[in-house]
């Protein structure tokens, strides 16, 4: 069972999100917060697996709450769920360690898929957000690919294989199945890769994998 905390200052929005995620029998909403500060407090008392955070909330906004939650409860995954998809919000959220960024206007199935993906150690961006991220990193492809390749020079072949699959959005379990490894070994590889590259989360690693041309379908 995936334990989820919802944080949004609008009660009707929380009710709608709760109804969507709890339509999946594998997800349970364990707490709800009306602002960022309350979200941090409830994370400490309930220890959810995933937190769904709105951005614009009183007392503490979702971006500040994201950073604070990951500081006090690093085992909890954060997904931003918002109406606002501005590049600055996306960059700050992913830079602070959010594992996902979803838009409220998206397909409800994306929300359920996102919760499962991040709970399983993966990352999830709504299609529109993914396009924005790719477009942002798409300029100067040759120079960025060369710089990214240089950063990956010290990785082993197996670490590069794992990073490519992280870039493709696969969970640890999926990577283990693809590479014929046990899941614990994949977790160790991912931790080593993040540490060696000086990255905070899988989303940042996925972007680097895309820039380096490791992900199938990424432009070269």
N, C-alpha and C. Protein backbone atom coordinates (compact mmCIF):
# COMPACT_ATOMS: atom_id res chain seq x y z
N UNK A 1 0.84 -1.20 0.00
CA UNK A 1 0.00 0.00 0.00
C UNK A 1 0.87 1.25 0.00
N UNK A 2 0.64 2.16 -0.94
CA UNK A 2 1.38 3.42 -1.01
C UNK A 2 0.64 4.46 -0.17
N UNK A 3 1.33 5.02 0.82
CA UNK A 3 0.72 5.97 1.73
C UNK A 3 1.00 7.39 1.22
N UNK A 4 -0.06 8.16 1.00
CA UNK A 4 0.04 9.47 0.36
C UNK A 4 -0.49 10.57 1.27
N UNK A 5 0.19 11.71 1.25
CA UNK A 5 -0.28 12.92 1.94
C UNK A 5 -0.61 13.96 0.87
N UNK A 6 -1.77 14.61 0.99
CA UNK A 6 -2.18 15.65 0.06
C UNK A 6 -2.01 17.01 0.71
N UNK A 7 -1.52 17.99 -0.05
CA UNK A 7 -1.39 19.35 0.46
C UNK A 7 -1.89 20.34 -0.58
N UNK A 8 -3.01 20.99 -0.28
CA UNK A 8 -3.60 21.99 -1.17
C UNK A 8 -4.49 22.86 -0.31
N UNK A 9 -4.48 24.17 -0.56
CA UNK A 9 -5.27 25.06 0.29
C UNK A 9 -6.75 25.07 -0.07
N UNK A 10 -7.15 24.39 -1.14
CA UNK A 10 -8.56 24.34 -1.52
C UNK A 10 -9.13 22.97 -1.19
N UNK A 11 -10.10 22.95 -0.28
CA UNK A 11 -10.68 21.69 0.18
C UNK A 11 -11.31 20.90 -0.96
N UNK A 12 -11.94 21.58 -1.92
CA UNK A 12 -12.59 20.88 -3.02
C UNK A 12 -11.55 20.19 -3.91
N UNK A 13 -10.41 20.85 -4.12
CA UNK A 13 -9.34 20.24 -4.91
C UNK A 13 -8.81 19.01 -4.19
N UNK A 14 -8.61 19.12 -2.87
CA UNK A 14 -8.12 17.97 -2.11
C UNK A 14 -9.08 16.80 -2.23
N UNK A 15 -10.39 17.10 -2.16
CA UNK A 15 -11.39 16.03 -2.25
C UNK A 15 -11.32 15.35 -3.61
N UNK A 16 -11.13 16.13 -4.66
CA UNK A 16 -11.04 15.56 -5.99
C UNK A 16 -9.80 14.70 -6.18
N UNK A 17 -8.67 15.20 -5.68
CA UNK A 17 -7.42 14.45 -5.79
C UNK A 17 -7.51 13.17 -4.97
N UNK A 18 -8.08 13.27 -3.78
CA UNK A 18 -8.24 12.08 -2.93
C UNK A 18 -9.09 11.02 -3.62
N UNK A 19 -10.17 11.45 -4.26
CA UNK A 19 -11.05 10.50 -4.95
C UNK A 19 -10.32 9.81 -6.09
N UNK A 20 -9.48 10.56 -6.80
CA UNK A 20 -8.74 9.98 -7.94
C UNK A 20 -7.73 8.95 -7.45
N UNK A 21 -6.87 9.35 -6.51
CA UNK A 21 -5.78 8.44 -6.12
C UNK A 21 -6.31 7.22 -5.36
N UNK A 22 -7.39 7.41 -4.58
CA UNK A 22 -7.91 6.27 -3.83
C UNK A 22 -8.80 5.37 -4.67
N UNK A 23 -9.01 5.74 -5.94
CA UNK A 23 -9.68 4.81 -6.85
C UNK A 23 -8.76 3.65 -7.18
N UNK A 24 -7.46 3.82 -6.90
CA UNK A 24 -6.49 2.75 -7.06
C UNK A 24 -6.40 2.00 -5.74
N UNK A 25 -6.65 0.71 -5.72
CA UNK A 25 -6.64 -0.04 -4.45
C UNK A 25 -5.28 -0.12 -3.79
N UNK A 26 -4.23 0.26 -4.50
CA UNK A 26 -2.90 0.21 -3.92
C UNK A 26 -2.44 1.51 -3.30
N UNK A 27 -3.33 2.53 -3.25
CA UNK A 27 -2.98 3.85 -2.72
C UNK A 27 -3.93 4.23 -1.60
N UNK A 28 -3.36 4.75 -0.51
CA UNK A 28 -4.15 5.19 0.64
C UNK A 28 -3.74 6.62 1.01
N UNK A 29 -4.72 7.52 1.13
CA UNK A 29 -4.45 8.89 1.60
C UNK A 29 -4.47 8.87 3.12
N UNK A 30 -3.33 9.17 3.73
CA UNK A 30 -3.21 9.08 5.19
C UNK A 30 -3.37 10.42 5.89
N UNK A 31 -3.26 11.53 5.14
CA UNK A 31 -3.40 12.85 5.78
C UNK A 31 -3.59 13.91 4.71
N UNK A 32 -4.16 15.05 5.12
CA UNK A 32 -4.36 16.19 4.22
C UNK A 32 -3.92 17.46 4.93
N UNK A 33 -3.29 18.36 4.17
CA UNK A 33 -2.82 19.63 4.72
C UNK A 33 -3.37 20.77 3.88
N UNK A 34 -3.63 21.90 4.55
CA UNK A 34 -4.17 23.07 3.87
C UNK A 34 -3.10 24.10 3.55
N UNK A 35 -1.86 23.87 3.98
CA UNK A 35 -0.76 24.78 3.66
C UNK A 35 0.56 24.03 3.79
N UNK A 36 1.62 24.67 3.34
CA UNK A 36 2.92 24.01 3.34
C UNK A 36 3.46 23.68 4.71
N UNK A 37 3.26 24.57 5.66
CA UNK A 37 3.77 24.32 7.00
C UNK A 37 3.07 23.11 7.62
N UNK A 38 1.76 23.04 7.44
CA UNK A 38 1.03 21.88 7.97
C UNK A 38 1.49 20.60 7.28
N UNK A 39 1.81 20.69 5.99
CA UNK A 39 2.28 19.52 5.25
C UNK A 39 3.56 18.97 5.87
N UNK A 40 4.50 19.86 6.20
CA UNK A 40 5.76 19.44 6.82
C UNK A 40 5.48 18.76 8.15
N UNK A 41 4.60 19.35 8.95
CA UNK A 41 4.28 18.78 10.26
C UNK A 41 3.64 17.40 10.12
N UNK A 42 2.73 17.26 9.15
CA UNK A 42 2.05 15.97 8.98
C UNK A 42 2.98 14.91 8.40
N UNK A 43 3.96 15.32 7.61
CA UNK A 43 4.94 14.36 7.11
C UNK A 43 5.70 13.75 8.29
N UNK A 44 6.06 14.59 9.25
CA UNK A 44 6.81 14.09 10.40
C UNK A 44 5.98 13.14 11.26
N UNK A 45 4.68 13.37 11.32
CA UNK A 45 3.84 12.51 12.17
C UNK A 45 3.31 11.28 11.45
N UNK A 46 3.14 11.35 10.12
CA UNK A 46 2.55 10.22 9.38
C UNK A 46 3.56 9.45 8.53
N UNK A 47 4.70 10.06 8.20
CA UNK A 47 5.73 9.43 7.39
C UNK A 47 5.15 8.78 6.12
N UNK A 48 4.50 9.57 5.27
CA UNK A 48 3.95 9.01 4.03
C UNK A 48 5.05 8.62 3.05
N UNK A 49 4.70 7.78 2.09
CA UNK A 49 5.64 7.42 1.03
C UNK A 49 5.76 8.54 0.00
N UNK A 50 4.62 9.18 -0.29
CA UNK A 50 4.57 10.21 -1.33
C UNK A 50 3.76 11.39 -0.82
N UNK A 51 4.23 12.60 -1.12
CA UNK A 51 3.48 13.82 -0.81
C UNK A 51 3.12 14.51 -2.12
N UNK A 52 1.84 14.83 -2.30
CA UNK A 52 1.38 15.61 -3.45
C UNK A 52 1.21 17.04 -3.01
N UNK A 53 2.03 17.95 -3.53
CA UNK A 53 2.08 19.33 -3.06
C UNK A 53 1.61 20.32 -4.12
N UNK A 54 0.68 21.17 -3.74
CA UNK A 54 0.35 22.33 -4.56
C UNK A 54 1.48 23.36 -4.38
N UNK A 55 1.59 24.32 -5.28
CA UNK A 55 2.64 25.34 -5.15
C UNK A 55 2.16 26.53 -4.34
N UNK A 56 1.07 27.16 -4.76
CA UNK A 56 0.63 28.40 -4.12
C UNK A 56 -0.28 28.10 -2.94
N UNK A 57 0.32 28.13 -1.75
CA UNK A 57 -0.41 27.88 -0.51
C UNK A 57 0.03 28.89 0.54
N UNK A 58 -0.82 29.17 1.54
CA UNK A 58 -0.44 30.13 2.59
C UNK A 58 0.59 29.56 3.56
N UNK A 59 1.14 30.43 4.38
CA UNK A 59 2.14 30.14 5.42
C UNK A 59 3.46 29.66 4.83
N UNK A 60 3.44 28.63 4.04
CA UNK A 60 4.64 28.15 3.34
C UNK A 60 4.19 27.57 2.01
N UNK A 61 4.78 28.06 0.91
CA UNK A 61 4.34 27.56 -0.39
C UNK A 61 4.90 26.16 -0.66
N UNK A 62 4.42 25.54 -1.73
CA UNK A 62 4.79 24.16 -2.00
C UNK A 62 6.26 23.96 -2.31
N UNK A 63 6.89 24.95 -2.94
CA UNK A 63 8.31 24.81 -3.26
C UNK A 63 9.16 24.82 -2.00
N UNK A 64 8.85 25.74 -1.08
CA UNK A 64 9.57 25.77 0.20
C UNK A 64 9.28 24.51 1.00
N UNK A 65 8.02 24.06 0.98
CA UNK A 65 7.65 22.84 1.70
C UNK A 65 8.37 21.63 1.14
N UNK A 66 8.53 21.58 -0.18
CA UNK A 66 9.25 20.48 -0.81
C UNK A 66 10.66 20.37 -0.27
N UNK A 67 11.37 21.49 -0.27
CA UNK A 67 12.75 21.49 0.22
C UNK A 67 12.82 21.08 1.68
N UNK A 68 11.87 21.57 2.49
CA UNK A 68 11.88 21.26 3.92
C UNK A 68 11.53 19.79 4.18
N UNK A 69 10.56 19.28 3.45
CA UNK A 69 10.17 17.87 3.62
C UNK A 69 11.34 16.95 3.29
N UNK A 70 12.03 17.23 2.20
CA UNK A 70 13.15 16.39 1.81
C UNK A 70 14.33 16.52 2.77
N UNK A 71 14.38 17.64 3.49
CA UNK A 71 15.44 17.81 4.49
C UNK A 71 15.14 17.00 5.74
N UNK A 72 13.87 17.05 6.20
CA UNK A 72 13.54 16.40 7.47
C UNK A 72 13.10 14.94 7.29
N UNK A 73 12.68 14.59 6.08
CA UNK A 73 12.22 13.21 5.82
C UNK A 73 12.71 12.78 4.44
N UNK A 74 14.02 12.55 4.30
CA UNK A 74 14.58 12.27 2.98
C UNK A 74 14.05 11.00 2.32
N UNK A 75 13.42 10.13 3.08
CA UNK A 75 12.85 8.92 2.49
C UNK A 75 11.51 9.14 1.84
N UNK A 76 10.92 10.30 2.04
CA UNK A 76 9.61 10.63 1.45
C UNK A 76 9.80 11.22 0.06
N UNK A 77 8.99 10.79 -0.88
CA UNK A 77 9.05 11.32 -2.24
C UNK A 77 8.04 12.45 -2.40
N UNK A 78 8.42 13.48 -3.13
CA UNK A 78 7.55 14.64 -3.33
C UNK A 78 7.19 14.78 -4.80
N UNK A 79 5.90 14.98 -5.05
CA UNK A 79 5.41 15.28 -6.39
C UNK A 79 4.68 16.61 -6.33
N UNK A 80 5.07 17.54 -7.17
CA UNK A 80 4.36 18.82 -7.26
C UNK A 80 3.14 18.62 -8.15
N UNK A 81 1.98 19.02 -7.66
CA UNK A 81 0.73 18.93 -8.41
C UNK A 81 0.12 20.32 -8.43
N UNK A 82 0.17 20.98 -9.58
CA UNK A 82 -0.16 22.39 -9.61
C UNK A 82 -0.85 22.79 -10.92
N UNK A 83 -1.45 23.97 -10.89
CA UNK A 83 -2.02 24.57 -12.10
C UNK A 83 -0.94 25.27 -12.90
N UNK A 84 0.16 25.60 -12.24
CA UNK A 84 1.17 26.47 -12.82
C UNK A 84 2.39 25.68 -13.30
N UNK A 85 2.64 25.72 -14.63
CA UNK A 85 3.75 24.97 -15.20
C UNK A 85 4.87 25.84 -15.70
N UNK A 86 5.09 27.01 -15.05
CA UNK A 86 6.16 27.91 -15.48
C UNK A 86 7.53 27.25 -15.31
N UNK A 87 8.44 27.56 -16.22
CA UNK A 87 9.78 26.98 -16.19
C UNK A 87 10.47 27.20 -14.85
N UNK A 88 10.29 28.38 -14.25
CA UNK A 88 10.97 28.68 -12.99
C UNK A 88 10.50 27.73 -11.89
N UNK A 89 9.21 27.44 -11.85
CA UNK A 89 8.67 26.52 -10.85
C UNK A 89 9.22 25.11 -11.07
N UNK A 90 9.23 24.69 -12.33
CA UNK A 90 9.72 23.35 -12.64
C UNK A 90 11.19 23.21 -12.24
N UNK A 91 11.99 24.21 -12.62
CA UNK A 91 13.42 24.16 -12.32
C UNK A 91 13.68 24.13 -10.82
N UNK A 92 12.97 24.97 -10.07
CA UNK A 92 13.21 25.00 -8.62
C UNK A 92 12.78 23.70 -7.96
N UNK A 93 11.61 23.20 -8.36
CA UNK A 93 11.10 21.97 -7.74
C UNK A 93 12.04 20.79 -8.00
N UNK A 94 12.45 20.61 -9.25
CA UNK A 94 13.32 19.49 -9.59
C UNK A 94 14.71 19.69 -8.99
N UNK A 95 15.16 20.94 -8.95
CA UNK A 95 16.45 21.22 -8.34
C UNK A 95 16.47 20.96 -6.86
N UNK A 96 15.33 21.16 -6.20
CA UNK A 96 15.23 20.92 -4.75
C UNK A 96 15.05 19.45 -4.42
N UNK A 97 14.81 18.62 -5.44
CA UNK A 97 14.72 17.19 -5.19
C UNK A 97 13.36 16.56 -5.41
N UNK A 98 12.38 17.30 -5.95
CA UNK A 98 11.07 16.70 -6.24
C UNK A 98 11.25 15.56 -7.23
N UNK A 99 10.49 14.49 -7.05
CA UNK A 99 10.58 13.33 -7.95
C UNK A 99 9.58 13.40 -9.09
N UNK A 100 8.67 14.36 -9.04
CA UNK A 100 7.67 14.46 -10.09
C UNK A 100 7.07 15.85 -10.15
N UNK A 101 6.49 16.17 -11.31
CA UNK A 101 5.83 17.46 -11.51
C UNK A 101 4.65 17.21 -12.43
N UNK A 102 3.44 17.37 -11.89
CA UNK A 102 2.21 17.11 -12.63
C UNK A 102 1.32 18.34 -12.65
N UNK A 103 0.54 18.46 -13.70
CA UNK A 103 -0.39 19.58 -13.83
C UNK A 103 -1.81 19.12 -13.53
N UNK A 104 -2.56 19.95 -12.81
CA UNK A 104 -3.92 19.59 -12.43
C UNK A 104 -4.83 19.41 -13.64
N UNK A 105 -4.46 20.03 -14.75
CA UNK A 105 -5.28 19.91 -15.96
C UNK A 105 -5.02 18.62 -16.71
N UNK A 106 -4.11 17.78 -16.22
CA UNK A 106 -3.75 16.56 -16.92
C UNK A 106 -4.76 15.45 -16.73
N UNK A 107 -4.49 14.34 -17.38
CA UNK A 107 -5.33 13.15 -17.29
C UNK A 107 -5.21 12.56 -15.89
N UNK A 108 -6.34 12.25 -15.23
CA UNK A 108 -6.27 11.64 -13.90
C UNK A 108 -5.40 10.39 -13.84
N UNK A 109 -5.31 9.67 -14.94
CA UNK A 109 -4.48 8.46 -14.96
C UNK A 109 -3.01 8.80 -14.78
N UNK A 110 -2.61 10.02 -15.21
CA UNK A 110 -1.23 10.46 -15.01
C UNK A 110 -0.92 10.57 -13.52
N UNK A 111 -1.90 11.03 -12.75
CA UNK A 111 -1.71 11.20 -11.31
C UNK A 111 -1.44 9.85 -10.65
N UNK A 112 -2.25 8.87 -10.97
CA UNK A 112 -2.06 7.54 -10.39
C UNK A 112 -0.73 6.94 -10.84
N UNK A 113 -0.42 7.08 -12.13
CA UNK A 113 0.85 6.55 -12.65
C UNK A 113 2.03 7.24 -11.99
N UNK A 114 1.90 8.56 -11.76
CA UNK A 114 2.98 9.31 -11.13
C UNK A 114 3.23 8.87 -9.70
N UNK A 115 2.17 8.64 -8.95
CA UNK A 115 2.32 8.18 -7.57
C UNK A 115 3.03 6.84 -7.52
N UNK A 116 2.61 5.92 -8.39
CA UNK A 116 3.26 4.61 -8.42
C UNK A 116 4.72 4.71 -8.83
N UNK A 117 5.00 5.55 -9.82
CA UNK A 117 6.37 5.66 -10.32
C UNK A 117 7.33 6.17 -9.26
N UNK A 118 6.95 7.25 -8.59
CA UNK A 118 7.88 7.82 -7.60
C UNK A 118 7.96 6.95 -6.35
N UNK A 119 6.86 6.29 -5.99
CA UNK A 119 6.90 5.41 -4.83
C UNK A 119 7.83 4.23 -5.07
N UNK A 120 7.98 3.86 -6.35
CA UNK A 120 8.82 2.73 -6.71
C UNK A 120 10.26 3.16 -6.99
N UNK A 121 10.58 4.43 -6.68
CA UNK A 121 11.94 4.91 -6.85
C UNK A 121 12.21 5.60 -8.16
N UNK A 122 11.17 5.77 -8.98
CA UNK A 122 11.35 6.42 -10.27
C UNK A 122 11.03 7.91 -10.21
N UNK A 123 10.87 8.50 -11.38
CA UNK A 123 10.52 9.91 -11.49
C UNK A 123 9.37 10.01 -12.50
N UNK A 124 8.59 11.10 -12.41
CA UNK A 124 7.46 11.21 -13.32
C UNK A 124 7.17 12.69 -13.61
N UNK A 125 7.13 13.01 -14.90
CA UNK A 125 6.76 14.35 -15.34
C UNK A 125 5.55 14.21 -16.27
N UNK A 126 4.60 15.14 -16.14
CA UNK A 126 3.48 15.12 -17.06
C UNK A 126 4.03 15.37 -18.47
N UNK A 127 3.36 14.90 -19.52
CA UNK A 127 3.88 15.07 -20.88
C UNK A 127 4.20 16.53 -21.22
N UNK A 128 3.35 17.45 -20.81
CA UNK A 128 3.62 18.86 -21.12
C UNK A 128 4.87 19.34 -20.42
N UNK A 129 5.04 18.97 -19.16
CA UNK A 129 6.23 19.38 -18.41
C UNK A 129 7.47 18.73 -19.01
N UNK A 130 7.36 17.46 -19.39
CA UNK A 130 8.50 16.78 -20.01
C UNK A 130 8.94 17.50 -21.28
N UNK A 131 7.98 17.94 -22.08
CA UNK A 131 8.32 18.68 -23.30
C UNK A 131 9.04 19.97 -22.97
N UNK A 132 8.58 20.68 -21.94
CA UNK A 132 9.23 21.92 -21.55
C UNK A 132 10.66 21.67 -21.11
N UNK A 133 10.87 20.61 -20.33
CA UNK A 133 12.22 20.29 -19.86
C UNK A 133 13.12 19.96 -21.04
N UNK A 134 12.62 19.13 -21.96
CA UNK A 134 13.42 18.74 -23.13
C UNK A 134 13.74 19.95 -24.00
N UNK A 135 12.74 20.83 -24.21
CA UNK A 135 12.98 22.02 -25.03
C UNK A 135 13.99 22.94 -24.37
N UNK A 136 13.92 23.04 -23.07
CA UNK A 136 14.84 23.90 -22.35
C UNK A 136 16.28 23.42 -22.50
N UNK A 137 16.45 22.10 -22.50
CA UNK A 137 17.79 21.54 -22.60
C UNK A 137 18.15 21.17 -24.03
N UNK A 138 17.28 21.53 -24.97
CA UNK A 138 17.53 21.12 -26.35
C UNK A 138 18.47 22.00 -27.13
N UNK A 139 18.59 23.28 -26.75
CA UNK A 139 19.45 24.19 -27.48
C UNK A 139 20.92 23.85 -27.31
N UNK A 140 21.72 24.07 -28.37
CA UNK A 140 23.14 23.79 -28.29
C UNK A 140 23.41 22.32 -28.04
N UNK A 141 22.72 21.46 -28.78
CA UNK A 141 22.77 20.02 -28.54
C UNK A 141 24.20 19.47 -28.55
N UNK A 142 24.99 19.85 -29.56
CA UNK A 142 26.34 19.28 -29.68
C UNK A 142 27.19 19.62 -28.46
N UNK A 143 27.16 20.89 -28.07
CA UNK A 143 27.99 21.33 -26.93
C UNK A 143 27.51 20.66 -25.64
N UNK A 144 26.19 20.57 -25.46
CA UNK A 144 25.67 19.96 -24.24
C UNK A 144 25.95 18.47 -24.20
N UNK A 145 25.88 17.82 -25.37
CA UNK A 145 26.17 16.39 -25.39
C UNK A 145 27.62 16.13 -25.04
N UNK A 146 28.51 16.98 -25.55
CA UNK A 146 29.93 16.81 -25.25
C UNK A 146 30.20 17.02 -23.76
N UNK A 147 29.57 18.07 -23.19
CA UNK A 147 29.76 18.34 -21.76
C UNK A 147 29.19 17.22 -20.91
N UNK A 148 28.02 16.71 -21.31
CA UNK A 148 27.40 15.63 -20.56
C UNK A 148 28.25 14.36 -20.64
N UNK A 149 28.76 14.07 -21.83
CA UNK A 149 29.59 12.88 -22.01
C UNK A 149 30.84 12.96 -21.15
N UNK A 150 31.40 14.15 -21.02
CA UNK A 150 32.58 14.33 -20.18
C UNK A 150 32.26 14.03 -18.72
N UNK A 151 31.07 14.45 -18.27
CA UNK A 151 30.67 14.19 -16.88
C UNK A 151 30.49 12.70 -16.62
N UNK A 152 30.16 11.95 -17.67
CA UNK A 152 29.90 10.52 -17.50
C UNK A 152 31.16 9.67 -17.71
N UNK A 153 32.27 10.31 -17.99
CA UNK A 153 33.48 9.57 -18.37
C UNK A 153 33.94 8.59 -17.30
N UNK A 154 33.72 8.91 -16.05
CA UNK A 154 34.20 8.06 -14.96
C UNK A 154 33.24 6.93 -14.59
N UNK A 155 32.07 6.89 -15.21
CA UNK A 155 31.11 5.83 -14.92
C UNK A 155 31.54 4.53 -15.58
N UNK A 156 31.24 3.42 -14.93
CA UNK A 156 31.50 2.12 -15.55
C UNK A 156 30.44 1.86 -16.62
N UNK A 157 30.68 0.85 -17.44
CA UNK A 157 29.70 0.51 -18.48
C UNK A 157 28.36 0.13 -17.85
N UNK A 158 28.39 -0.61 -16.75
CA UNK A 158 27.14 -1.00 -16.11
C UNK A 158 26.42 0.21 -15.54
N UNK A 159 27.17 1.15 -14.95
CA UNK A 159 26.55 2.36 -14.43
C UNK A 159 25.91 3.17 -15.55
N UNK A 160 26.54 3.20 -16.71
CA UNK A 160 25.97 3.91 -17.85
C UNK A 160 24.68 3.22 -18.32
N UNK A 161 24.67 1.89 -18.28
CA UNK A 161 23.46 1.16 -18.63
C UNK A 161 22.31 1.52 -17.69
N UNK A 162 22.63 1.55 -16.39
CA UNK A 162 21.61 1.89 -15.40
C UNK A 162 21.14 3.32 -15.60
N UNK A 163 22.07 4.25 -15.83
CA UNK A 163 21.70 5.65 -16.02
C UNK A 163 20.81 5.83 -17.24
N UNK A 164 21.10 5.11 -18.31
CA UNK A 164 20.27 5.21 -19.51
C UNK A 164 18.83 4.80 -19.21
N UNK A 165 18.66 3.77 -18.40
CA UNK A 165 17.31 3.31 -18.08
C UNK A 165 16.62 4.23 -17.07
N UNK A 166 17.40 4.85 -16.18
CA UNK A 166 16.84 5.90 -15.31
C UNK A 166 16.33 7.04 -16.20
N UNK A 167 17.13 7.40 -17.21
CA UNK A 167 16.71 8.45 -18.13
C UNK A 167 15.45 8.12 -18.89
N UNK A 168 15.24 6.83 -19.14
CA UNK A 168 14.03 6.40 -19.85
C UNK A 168 12.82 6.33 -18.93
N UNK A 169 13.03 6.62 -17.63
CA UNK A 169 11.91 6.66 -16.69
C UNK A 169 11.59 5.35 -16.02
N UNK A 170 12.47 4.35 -16.14
CA UNK A 170 12.18 3.05 -15.54
C UNK A 170 12.41 3.08 -14.03
N UNK A 171 11.61 2.32 -13.30
CA UNK A 171 11.78 2.17 -11.86
C UNK A 171 12.94 1.22 -11.58
N UNK A 172 13.35 1.15 -10.31
CA UNK A 172 14.42 0.22 -9.94
C UNK A 172 14.04 -1.22 -10.28
N UNK A 173 12.78 -1.57 -10.02
CA UNK A 173 12.33 -2.94 -10.30
C UNK A 173 12.40 -3.24 -11.80
N UNK A 174 11.99 -2.27 -12.62
CA UNK A 174 12.02 -2.46 -14.07
C UNK A 174 13.45 -2.57 -14.58
N UNK A 175 14.34 -1.74 -14.02
CA UNK A 175 15.75 -1.78 -14.43
C UNK A 175 16.36 -3.13 -14.06
N UNK A 176 16.04 -3.61 -12.85
CA UNK A 176 16.55 -4.90 -12.40
C UNK A 176 16.13 -6.01 -13.37
N UNK A 177 14.86 -5.97 -13.77
CA UNK A 177 14.36 -6.99 -14.69
C UNK A 177 15.06 -6.89 -16.05
N UNK A 178 15.24 -5.66 -16.52
CA UNK A 178 15.85 -5.45 -17.84
C UNK A 178 17.31 -5.90 -17.87
N UNK A 179 18.04 -5.64 -16.77
CA UNK A 179 19.47 -5.94 -16.74
C UNK A 179 19.80 -7.25 -16.02
N UNK A 180 18.78 -7.99 -15.62
CA UNK A 180 18.97 -9.27 -14.94
C UNK A 180 19.77 -9.10 -13.64
N UNK A 181 19.35 -8.10 -12.84
CA UNK A 181 19.98 -7.82 -11.56
C UNK A 181 18.91 -7.91 -10.47
N UNK A 182 19.34 -7.96 -9.21
CA UNK A 182 18.38 -7.86 -8.12
C UNK A 182 18.14 -6.38 -7.85
N UNK A 183 16.96 -6.07 -7.32
CA UNK A 183 16.59 -4.67 -7.15
C UNK A 183 17.54 -3.93 -6.21
N UNK A 184 18.02 -4.62 -5.16
CA UNK A 184 18.94 -3.98 -4.23
C UNK A 184 20.23 -3.54 -4.91
N UNK A 185 20.69 -4.32 -5.88
CA UNK A 185 21.90 -3.96 -6.63
C UNK A 185 21.65 -2.71 -7.46
N UNK A 186 20.48 -2.62 -8.07
CA UNK A 186 20.14 -1.44 -8.86
C UNK A 186 20.11 -0.20 -7.96
N UNK A 187 19.52 -0.32 -6.78
CA UNK A 187 19.49 0.82 -5.85
C UNK A 187 20.90 1.27 -5.53
N UNK A 188 21.81 0.32 -5.33
CA UNK A 188 23.20 0.67 -5.04
C UNK A 188 23.85 1.39 -6.21
N UNK A 189 23.56 0.91 -7.42
CA UNK A 189 24.10 1.57 -8.61
C UNK A 189 23.58 3.00 -8.72
N UNK A 190 22.27 3.17 -8.52
CA UNK A 190 21.68 4.50 -8.65
C UNK A 190 22.28 5.45 -7.61
N UNK A 191 22.42 5.00 -6.38
CA UNK A 191 23.01 5.83 -5.33
C UNK A 191 24.44 6.22 -5.69
N UNK A 192 25.20 5.27 -6.20
CA UNK A 192 26.59 5.54 -6.58
C UNK A 192 26.66 6.54 -7.73
N UNK A 193 25.76 6.39 -8.69
CA UNK A 193 25.73 7.31 -9.83
C UNK A 193 25.40 8.73 -9.39
N UNK A 194 24.37 8.88 -8.56
CA UNK A 194 23.99 10.20 -8.09
C UNK A 194 25.13 10.83 -7.30
N UNK A 195 25.78 10.04 -6.45
CA UNK A 195 26.88 10.57 -5.64
C UNK A 195 28.05 10.99 -6.53
N UNK A 196 28.41 10.16 -7.48
CA UNK A 196 29.55 10.46 -8.34
C UNK A 196 29.30 11.68 -9.22
N UNK A 197 28.06 11.85 -9.64
CA UNK A 197 27.73 12.98 -10.51
C UNK A 197 27.34 14.22 -9.73
N UNK A 198 27.25 14.11 -8.40
CA UNK A 198 26.90 15.26 -7.57
C UNK A 198 25.47 15.71 -7.77
N UNK A 199 24.56 14.74 -7.95
CA UNK A 199 23.16 15.06 -8.21
C UNK A 199 22.28 14.68 -7.04
N UNK A 200 21.15 15.36 -6.92
CA UNK A 200 20.27 15.17 -5.78
C UNK A 200 19.18 14.14 -6.02
N UNK A 201 18.82 13.94 -7.29
CA UNK A 201 17.69 13.04 -7.54
C UNK A 201 17.74 12.46 -8.94
N UNK A 202 16.83 11.54 -9.18
CA UNK A 202 16.79 10.81 -10.45
C UNK A 202 16.38 11.69 -11.62
N UNK A 203 15.59 12.74 -11.36
CA UNK A 203 15.19 13.61 -12.46
C UNK A 203 16.40 14.31 -13.05
N UNK A 204 17.28 14.82 -12.19
CA UNK A 204 18.48 15.48 -12.67
C UNK A 204 19.35 14.49 -13.46
N UNK A 205 19.45 13.26 -12.95
CA UNK A 205 20.23 12.23 -13.65
C UNK A 205 19.60 11.90 -15.01
N UNK A 206 18.27 11.87 -15.05
CA UNK A 206 17.58 11.57 -16.30
C UNK A 206 17.84 12.65 -17.34
N UNK A 207 17.85 13.91 -16.92
CA UNK A 207 18.13 15.00 -17.85
C UNK A 207 19.55 14.87 -18.41
N UNK A 208 20.50 14.56 -17.54
CA UNK A 208 21.89 14.39 -17.99
C UNK A 208 21.98 13.22 -18.98
N UNK A 209 21.28 12.13 -18.69
CA UNK A 209 21.29 10.97 -19.59
C UNK A 209 20.74 11.37 -20.95
N UNK A 210 19.69 12.18 -20.94
CA UNK A 210 19.10 12.64 -22.19
C UNK A 210 20.09 13.51 -22.95
N UNK A 211 20.73 14.45 -22.24
CA UNK A 211 21.70 15.34 -22.88
C UNK A 211 22.86 14.56 -23.48
N UNK A 212 23.28 13.49 -22.80
CA UNK A 212 24.42 12.71 -23.27
C UNK A 212 24.06 11.76 -24.41
N UNK A 213 22.79 11.70 -24.75
CA UNK A 213 22.36 10.83 -25.82
C UNK A 213 22.25 9.37 -25.44
N UNK A 214 22.15 9.10 -24.11
CA UNK A 214 22.05 7.72 -23.65
C UNK A 214 20.64 7.15 -23.80
N UNK A 215 19.64 8.04 -23.81
CA UNK A 215 18.26 7.58 -23.83
C UNK A 215 17.81 7.32 -25.26
N UNK A 216 17.25 6.17 -25.48
CA UNK A 216 16.77 5.81 -26.81
C UNK A 216 15.77 6.84 -27.28
N UNK A 217 16.00 7.39 -28.47
CA UNK A 217 15.09 8.39 -29.03
C UNK A 217 15.53 9.81 -28.77
N UNK A 218 16.57 10.03 -27.92
CA UNK A 218 17.05 11.38 -27.69
C UNK A 218 17.85 11.83 -28.90
N UNK A 219 17.66 13.07 -29.27
CA UNK A 219 18.30 13.58 -30.49
C UNK A 219 19.80 13.68 -30.31
N UNK A 220 20.54 13.40 -31.36
CA UNK A 220 22.00 13.53 -31.32
C UNK A 220 22.43 14.58 -32.34
